[in-house]
Protein backbone atom coordinates (compact mmCIF):
# COMPACT_ATOMS: atom_id res chain seq x y z
CA MET A 1 116.42 108.63 101.60
CA LYS A 2 114.17 106.46 99.88
CA LYS A 3 110.83 108.30 98.43
CA ILE A 4 107.53 106.20 98.43
CA ALA A 5 103.98 106.08 97.54
CA VAL A 6 101.89 103.91 100.01
CA PHE A 7 98.54 102.56 99.02
CA ASP A 8 95.92 101.00 101.58
CA PHE A 9 94.54 97.67 99.89
CA ASP A 10 90.98 96.71 100.77
CA HIS A 11 88.32 99.22 99.33
CA THR A 12 91.09 101.25 97.81
CA LEU A 13 93.49 99.09 95.40
CA PHE A 14 90.91 96.14 95.68
CA LYS A 15 87.32 97.07 95.53
CA GLN A 16 86.02 94.69 97.97
CA ASP A 17 87.21 93.18 101.64
CA SER A 18 89.74 90.90 100.10
CA LEU A 19 89.66 88.72 103.39
CA ILE A 20 85.85 88.05 103.07
CA ALA A 21 86.03 87.98 98.89
CA PHE A 22 88.95 85.31 99.17
CA CYS A 23 86.87 83.11 101.59
CA LEU A 24 83.81 83.12 99.60
CA TYR A 25 86.01 81.96 96.61
CA ILE A 26 86.76 79.08 98.68
CA TYR A 27 83.40 78.33 99.64
CA ARG A 28 82.32 78.16 95.87
CA ARG A 29 85.57 75.97 95.16
CA TYR A 30 84.76 73.75 98.39
CA PRO A 31 81.29 73.98 99.18
CA TRP A 32 81.31 71.67 102.59
CA ARG A 33 83.75 74.29 104.08
CA ALA A 34 80.92 76.82 103.96
CA LEU A 35 79.77 74.91 106.94
CA TYR A 36 82.39 76.87 108.93
CA GLY A 37 80.13 79.94 107.98
CA ILE A 38 78.61 79.34 111.13
CA VAL A 39 81.82 79.64 113.43
CA GLN A 40 82.76 82.67 111.50
CA LEU A 41 79.11 84.35 112.34
CA VAL A 42 79.57 83.46 116.21
CA GLY A 43 82.77 84.82 116.08
CA LEU A 44 81.93 88.23 114.43
CA PHE A 45 79.00 88.20 117.43
CA LEU A 46 81.60 87.84 119.88
CA HIS A 47 83.92 90.26 118.30
CA ARG A 48 80.92 93.31 118.23
CA LEU A 49 80.36 92.39 121.78
CA GLY A 50 84.06 92.89 122.71
CA ILE A 51 84.64 89.33 123.63
CA LEU A 52 87.02 88.55 121.06
CA SER A 53 90.00 91.08 119.98
CA THR A 54 90.65 91.63 116.57
CA ARG A 55 93.56 89.26 116.46
CA GLN A 56 91.18 86.51 118.00
CA PHE A 57 88.61 87.18 115.59
CA LYS A 58 90.90 87.04 112.45
CA ASN A 59 92.35 83.84 113.89
CA LEU A 60 88.90 82.32 114.49
CA PHE A 61 88.05 83.58 110.66
CA ILE A 62 90.85 82.26 108.58
CA GLY A 63 90.41 78.64 110.41
CA TYR A 64 88.06 77.98 107.28
CA LEU A 65 91.60 77.26 105.58
CA ILE A 66 92.26 74.43 107.75
CA ALA A 67 94.30 71.26 106.24
CA ILE A 68 94.71 72.95 103.22
CA PRO A 69 98.33 72.76 102.55
CA LYS A 70 100.48 75.97 102.32
CA LYS A 71 101.34 75.54 98.48
CA LYS A 72 97.91 74.86 97.61
CA VAL A 73 96.73 77.71 99.53
CA ASP A 74 99.22 80.00 97.50
CA ARG A 75 97.87 78.43 94.29
CA LEU A 76 94.45 79.20 95.02
CA VAL A 77 95.39 82.77 96.25
CA ASN A 78 97.22 83.35 92.72
CA ASP A 79 93.95 81.86 90.98
CA PHE A 80 91.76 84.16 92.90
CA TRP A 81 93.98 87.44 91.88
CA THR A 82 93.94 86.17 88.26
CA GLN A 83 90.44 86.12 87.92
CA HIS A 84 90.04 89.46 89.72
CA LEU A 85 92.51 91.48 88.03
CA ASN A 86 90.16 93.25 85.08
CA ALA A 87 87.06 93.74 87.60
CA GLY A 88 88.16 93.57 90.76
CA PHE A 89 90.93 96.37 91.15
CA ASN A 90 90.39 99.92 90.89
CA LYS A 91 91.82 100.92 87.57
CA GLU A 92 92.35 104.79 88.38
CA LEU A 93 94.58 103.64 91.12
CA LEU A 94 96.18 101.37 88.56
CA GLU A 95 97.28 104.04 86.54
CA LEU A 96 98.36 106.35 89.14
CA ILE A 97 100.69 103.57 90.32
CA GLY A 98 101.66 103.43 86.47
CA GLN A 99 102.53 107.02 86.63
CA HIS A 100 104.80 106.80 89.69
CA LYS A 101 106.57 103.48 89.30
CA GLU A 102 109.48 104.65 87.78
CA LYS A 103 110.06 107.70 90.27
CA ILE A 104 109.30 106.23 93.71
CA GLU A 105 108.98 102.81 95.51
CA ILE A 106 105.18 101.57 95.31
CA VAL A 107 104.29 100.17 99.04
CA CYS A 108 101.02 98.47 99.59
CA VAL A 109 100.18 98.75 103.48
CA SER A 110 96.95 96.57 104.60
CA ALA A 111 95.15 94.74 107.71
CA SER A 112 94.68 91.83 105.20
CA PRO A 113 96.63 88.62 106.22
CA GLN A 114 100.02 88.25 104.92
CA PHE A 115 99.35 84.98 102.77
CA MET A 116 96.81 86.97 100.49
CA PHE A 117 100.01 88.77 99.16
CA THR A 118 101.62 86.48 96.79
CA LEU A 119 104.52 87.16 94.60
CA LEU A 120 101.99 87.24 91.56
CA MET A 121 99.65 89.85 93.13
CA LYS A 122 102.58 92.10 93.55
CA HIS A 123 103.79 91.38 90.02
CA LEU A 124 100.34 92.22 88.49
CA LEU A 125 100.10 95.47 90.79
CA GLN A 126 103.43 96.78 89.88
CA ILE A 127 103.97 96.78 93.85
CA ASP A 128 107.48 96.82 95.13
CA VAL A 129 106.78 96.25 98.91
CA CYS A 130 103.71 94.73 100.81
CA ILE A 131 103.34 95.24 104.48
CA SER A 132 100.38 93.27 105.93
CA THR A 133 99.17 91.54 108.97
CA PRO A 134 101.76 88.56 109.56
CA THR A 135 100.65 85.22 109.62
CA THR A 136 102.55 81.59 110.15
CA TYR A 137 101.34 78.31 109.03
CA SER A 138 101.67 75.51 111.32
CA TYR A 139 99.98 72.20 112.41
CA CYS A 140 97.91 72.51 108.91
CA ARG A 141 96.36 75.74 109.66
CA TYR A 142 97.30 79.49 109.18
CA ARG A 143 97.36 81.81 112.27
CA ILE A 144 98.00 85.56 113.04
CA CYS A 145 101.16 86.21 114.64
CA GLY A 146 101.36 89.87 115.03
CA GLN A 147 99.42 93.14 115.40
CA ASN A 148 96.94 93.87 112.94
CA CYS A 149 98.06 96.08 110.42
CA ARG A 150 95.78 98.92 110.85
CA GLY A 151 95.86 102.81 111.74
CA SER A 152 98.76 103.39 113.65
CA GLU A 153 100.25 100.02 113.32
CA LYS A 154 101.07 100.74 109.64
CA ILE A 155 103.13 103.66 110.21
CA LYS A 156 104.82 101.62 113.03
CA ARG A 157 105.57 98.91 110.46
CA LEU A 158 106.44 101.42 107.74
CA ASN A 159 109.21 103.05 110.24
CA GLU A 160 110.77 99.54 110.94
CA TYR A 161 110.91 98.20 107.48
CA TYR A 162 112.45 101.56 106.20
CA SER A 163 114.61 102.23 109.48
CA GLU A 164 117.11 104.31 107.70
CA GLY A 165 114.09 106.76 106.72
CA TYR A 166 111.83 107.71 103.89
CA GLU A 167 109.86 110.35 102.40
CA LEU A 168 106.26 109.90 101.79
CA ILE A 169 105.33 111.30 98.52
CA LEU A 170 101.91 110.10 98.12
CA ALA A 171 99.45 108.19 100.31
CA VAL A 172 95.99 106.87 99.35
CA SER A 173 93.22 105.02 101.68
CA ASP A 174 89.70 104.91 101.85
CA ASN A 175 89.81 104.49 105.78
CA GLU A 176 89.60 107.12 108.38
CA ASP A 177 91.74 104.97 110.52
CA ASP A 178 94.74 106.03 107.99
CA GLN A 179 94.41 109.66 108.47
CA GLU A 180 97.46 109.86 110.54
CA LEU A 181 99.39 108.24 107.76
CA LEU A 182 97.63 110.42 104.88
CA ASN A 183 98.74 113.56 107.05
CA MET A 184 102.37 112.19 106.84
CA ALA A 185 102.50 112.49 103.09
CA THR A 186 103.15 115.69 100.74
CA THR A 187 100.09 114.48 98.61
CA GLN A 188 96.96 112.52 100.18
CA LEU A 189 94.17 111.26 98.42
CA LYS A 190 91.06 109.35 99.64
CA VAL A 191 89.04 106.87 97.81
CA VAL A 192 85.34 107.63 98.06
CA ASN A 193 82.67 105.24 96.41
CA GLY A 194 85.66 103.84 94.54
CA ARG A 195 86.76 107.39 93.30
CA LEU A 196 89.75 109.61 94.06
CA VAL A 197 89.38 112.87 95.91
CA LYS A 198 91.39 115.05 97.70
CA PRO A 199 90.63 115.53 101.46
């Protein structure tokens, strides 16, 4: 049975919300695309009112990448991670990964879109497996093509990936939605204000 350590991503391994941070990075590179921010704000308002589901809102949000070829998006994501490696990630957690890397499999489970998790990012963070919200690229744009990988969906996706079973040695997250996942782990840690604490 595979022994694994599971890490949340946004506000855990990465200090910010990666979806928003990458969007702002694109807007700085291509200022005219920032006009799409109006659409995003309207979508956020409709999401808060319950008119748009999380999936619908995320599909609308990532529309700012429309007409950028997939290979170029991959390059932009890699540039983004390279620029954020020193200051953008939680060094305490990177050290924790280093301590466990040779003993157990390191898994990142995130609600962020799949296109954010490139091979370079996995290499930089020493992550073995990334499980995230699935996306597809067609007709010059990205779309969410599955359930938002959050809360109980994270456990479902882990169970699907490790269909032969796994032993959850360590789980780390900042999000209350991940409490059920944390409870499954031999050791559970929370990130509060950027610091590791035991619940």
